[in-house]
Structures are given as C-alpha cells and as structure tokens.
C-alpha atoms as a PDB file:
ATOM      1  CA  UNK A   1      18.217 -32.680 -16.710  1.00  0.00           C
ATOM      2  CA  UNK A   2      18.392 -29.543 -18.771  1.00  0.00           C
ATOM      3  CA  UNK A   3      20.134 -29.104 -22.125  1.00  0.00           C
ATOM      4  CA  UNK A   4      23.353 -27.711 -20.607  1.00  0.00           C
ATOM      5  CA  UNK A   5      23.764 -30.710 -18.321  1.00  0.00           C
ATOM      6  CA  UNK A   6      23.128 -33.120 -21.208  1.00  0.00           C
ATOM      7  CA  UNK A   7      25.736 -31.392 -23.356  1.00  0.00           C
ATOM      8  CA  UNK A   8      28.215 -31.468 -20.464  1.00  0.00           C
ATOM      9  CA  UNK A   9      27.491 -35.161 -19.827  1.00  0.00           C
ATOM     10  CA  UNK A  10      27.857 -35.989 -23.527  1.00  0.00           C
ATOM     11  CA  UNK A  11      31.123 -34.055 -23.697  1.00  0.00           C
ATOM     12  CA  UNK A  12      32.420 -35.837 -20.584  1.00  0.00           C
ATOM     13  CA  UNK A  13      31.461 -39.198 -22.100  1.00  0.00           C
ATOM     14  CA  UNK A  14      33.268 -38.361 -25.360  1.00  0.00           C
ATOM     15  CA  UNK A  15      36.376 -37.305 -23.423  1.00  0.00           C
ATOM     16  CA  UNK A  16      36.319 -40.531 -21.374  1.00  0.00           C
ATOM     17  CA  UNK A  17      35.894 -42.635 -24.527  1.00  0.00           C
ATOM     18  CA  UNK A  18      38.794 -40.782 -26.143  1.00  0.00           C
ATOM     19  CA  UNK A  19      41.004 -41.382 -23.102  1.00  0.00           C
ATOM     20  CA  UNK A  20      40.010 -45.052 -23.104  1.00  0.00           C
ATOM     21  CA  UNK A  21      40.806 -45.384 -26.813  1.00  0.00           C
ATOM     22  CA  UNK A  22      44.198 -43.770 -26.270  1.00  0.00           C
ATOM     23  CA  UNK A  23      44.851 -46.109 -23.346  1.00  0.00           C
ATOM     24  CA  UNK A  24      44.268 -49.074 -25.661  1.00  0.00           C
ATOM     25  CA  UNK A  25      45.552 -47.905 -29.039  1.00  0.00           C
ATOM     26  CA  UNK A  26      47.736 -44.871 -28.337  1.00  0.00           C
ATOM     27  CA  UNK A  27      51.533 -44.735 -28.576  1.00  0.00           C
ATOM     28  CA  UNK A  28      51.863 -45.899 -24.966  1.00  0.00           C
ATOM     29  CA  UNK A  29      48.725 -48.032 -24.965  1.00  0.00           C
ATOM     30  CA  UNK A  30      48.185 -51.711 -24.324  1.00  0.00           C
ATOM     31  CA  UNK A  31      48.532 -52.644 -28.001  1.00  0.00           C
ATOM     32  CA  UNK A  32      51.854 -50.773 -28.262  1.00  0.00           C
ATOM     33  CA  UNK A  33      53.241 -52.693 -25.260  1.00  0.00           C
ATOM     34  CA  UNK A  34      53.163 -55.931 -27.234  1.00  0.00           C
ATOM     35  CA  UNK A  35      54.971 -54.296 -30.139  1.00  0.00           C
ATOM     36  CA  UNK A  36      57.505 -52.759 -27.756  1.00  0.00           C
ATOM     37  CA  UNK A  37      58.124 -56.127 -26.100  1.00  0.00           C
ATOM     38  CA  UNK A  38      58.805 -57.742 -29.481  1.00  0.00           C
ATOM     39  CA  UNK A  39      61.134 -54.886 -30.430  1.00  0.00           C
ATOM     40  CA  UNK A  40      62.922 -55.162 -27.099  1.00  0.00           C
ATOM     41  CA  UNK A  41      63.474 -58.887 -27.614  1.00  0.00           C
ATOM     42  CA  UNK A  42      64.807 -58.337 -31.150  1.00  0.00           C
ATOM     43  CA  UNK A  43      67.147 -55.601 -29.956  1.00  0.00           C
ATOM     44  CA  UNK A  44      68.309 -57.818 -27.089  1.00  0.00           C
ATOM     45  CA  UNK A  45      69.254 -60.562 -29.558  1.00  0.00           C
ATOM     46  CA  UNK A  46      71.082 -58.047 -31.754  1.00  0.00           C
ATOM     47  CA  UNK A  47      72.980 -56.712 -28.735  1.00  0.00           C
ATOM     48  CA  UNK A  48      74.029 -60.250 -27.792  1.00  0.00           C
ATOM     49  CA  UNK A  49      75.304 -60.847 -31.346  1.00  0.00           C
ATOM     50  CA  UNK A  50      77.206 -57.563 -31.308  1.00  0.00           C
ATOM     51  CA  UNK A  51      78.766 -58.400 -27.940  1.00  0.00           C
ATOM     52  CA  UNK A  52      80.001 -61.728 -29.334  1.00  0.00           C
ATOM     53  CA  UNK A  53      81.457 -59.959 -32.362  1.00  0.00           C
ATOM     54  CA  UNK A  54      83.075 -57.364 -30.120  1.00  0.00           C
ATOM     55  CA  UNK A  55      84.635 -60.068 -27.947  1.00  0.00           C
ATOM     56  CA  UNK A  56      86.031 -61.831 -31.034  1.00  0.00           C
ATOM     57  CA  UNK A  57      87.465 -58.571 -32.354  1.00  0.00           C
ATOM     58  CA  UNK A  58      88.982 -57.700 -28.969  1.00  0.00           C
ATOM     59  CA  UNK A  59      90.639 -61.127 -28.893  1.00  0.00           C
ATOM     60  CA  UNK A  60      92.012 -60.614 -32.398  1.00  0.00           C
ATOM     61  CA  UNK A  61      93.361 -57.176 -31.441  1.00  0.00           C
ATOM     62  CA  UNK A  62      95.004 -58.704 -28.384  1.00  0.00           C
ATOM     63  CA  UNK A  63      96.614 -61.395 -30.551  1.00  0.00           C
ATOM     64  CA  UNK A  64      97.861 -58.752 -33.009  1.00  0.00           C
ATOM     65  CA  UNK A  65      99.530 -56.594 -30.354  1.00  0.00           C
ATOM     66  CA  UNK A  66     102.584 -55.099 -32.122  1.00  0.00           C
ATOM     67  CA  UNK A  67     104.820 -55.811 -29.132  1.00  0.00           C
ATOM     68  CA  UNK A  68     103.775 -59.456 -28.819  1.00  0.00           C
ATOM     69  CA  UNK A  69     102.099 -60.886 -31.937  1.00  0.00           C
ATOM     70  CA  UNK A  70     100.717 -64.406 -31.654  1.00  0.00           C
ATOM     71  CA  UNK A  71     103.012 -66.495 -33.895  1.00  0.00           C
ATOM     72  CA  UNK A  72     100.212 -68.649 -35.319  1.00  0.00           C
ATOM     73  CA  UNK A  73      98.013 -65.686 -36.220  1.00  0.00           C
ATOM     74  CA  UNK A  74     100.967 -63.748 -37.624  1.00  0.00           C
ATOM     75  CA  UNK A  75     101.937 -66.706 -39.791  1.00  0.00           C
ATOM     76  CA  UNK A  76      98.333 -67.140 -40.934  1.00  0.00           C
ATOM     77  CA  UNK A  77      98.016 -63.473 -41.915  1.00  0.00           C
ATOM     78  CA  UNK A  78     101.338 -63.410 -43.761  1.00  0.00           C
ATOM     79  CA  UNK A  79     100.477 -66.571 -45.657  1.00  0.00           C
ATOM     80  CA  UNK A  80      96.985 -65.354 -46.516  1.00  0.00           C
ATOM     81  CA  UNK A  81      97.812 -61.756 -47.456  1.00  0.00           C
ATOM     82  CA  UNK A  82     101.105 -62.408 -49.244  1.00  0.00           C
ATOM     83  CA  UNK A  83     100.304 -65.849 -50.612  1.00  0.00           C
ATOM     84  CA  UNK A  84     103.488 -67.273 -49.073  1.00  0.00           C
ATOM     85  CA  UNK A  85     103.541 -71.012 -48.429  1.00  0.00           C
ATOM     86  CA  UNK A  86     105.860 -73.975 -48.557  1.00  0.00           C
ATOM     87  CA  UNK A  87     105.637 -76.450 -51.449  1.00  0.00           C
ATOM     88  CA  UNK A  88     104.387 -79.224 -49.151  1.00  0.00           C
ATOM     89  CA  UNK A  89     101.469 -77.181 -47.753  1.00  0.00           C
ATOM     90  CA  UNK A  90      97.828 -77.113 -48.801  1.00  0.00           C
ATOM     91  CA  UNK A  91      95.534 -74.145 -48.196  1.00  0.00           C
ATOM     92  CA  UNK A  92      91.893 -74.738 -47.351  1.00  0.00           C
ATOM     93  CA  UNK A  93      89.936 -71.499 -47.007  1.00  0.00           C
ATOM     94  CA  UNK A  94      86.755 -71.420 -44.946  1.00  0.00           C
ATOM     95  CA  UNK A  95      84.118 -68.727 -44.804  1.00  0.00           C
ATOM     96  CA  UNK A  96      83.597 -67.074 -41.425  1.00  0.00           C
ATOM     97  CA  UNK A  97      80.106 -68.641 -41.263  1.00  0.00           C
ATOM     98  CA  UNK A  98      81.593 -72.104 -41.674  1.00  0.00           C
ATOM     99  CA  UNK A  99      84.187 -71.413 -38.972  1.00  0.00           C
ATOM    100  CA  UNK A 100      81.560 -70.341 -36.451  1.00  0.00           C
ATOM    101  CA  UNK A 101      79.185 -73.174 -37.405  1.00  0.00           C
ATOM    102  CA  UNK A 102      81.860 -75.702 -36.526  1.00  0.00           C
ATOM    103  CA  UNK A 103      82.198 -74.359 -32.960  1.00  0.00           C
END
C-alpha cells in the first residue's frame, strides 16, 4: 500500500468512527433515545393532569351557564364571595388539594 492509500484508509476510518460516535452520542443517537423516552413519559403525565383540569373546568363552566346556573354551585359562590350565611350555618373551607385527595 502506498502513502496515498494509507491516508485514504485512515481518513475513511476516522469518518466511520465519527459516524459511529454520532450514532451513539449524537442528538438522535442511542443515548438520546433514553432521554427522549423519559421526557415523553413526563410530558404524557403532564398532559393527563392538564386534561383532568380541563375536564373539571369545563364542568364548572357548564354548571355556571348564565341561562341555567346550578343552584348548589350558585349558592356556594354567593356565600363564599359575599360572605352571606344563615346564623345556624357553619363554614368549613377546604383547600383544592384536600378536596381532590378525598375523591
């Protein structure tokens, strides 16, 4: 083998090693797949939480329809926002986390 062929072979080997390194450690490499899978799982959980929140908000909007307000929710909001209550009533306020933990 002459010098030109050795240089070409060495260059080809370097290029192949570089391609192999990128296949393992590059932005779309094998190592990145594991990170992407973990990110995908985390985003999937967040999407599920947001869908639950959206469903709860849609239900609340439906109950607060101006043409047909749910009497219980309307009474609750008036009592909470205006502080209106009868003398024989007691008010026990719960955090939203406590409400959802009880379900």
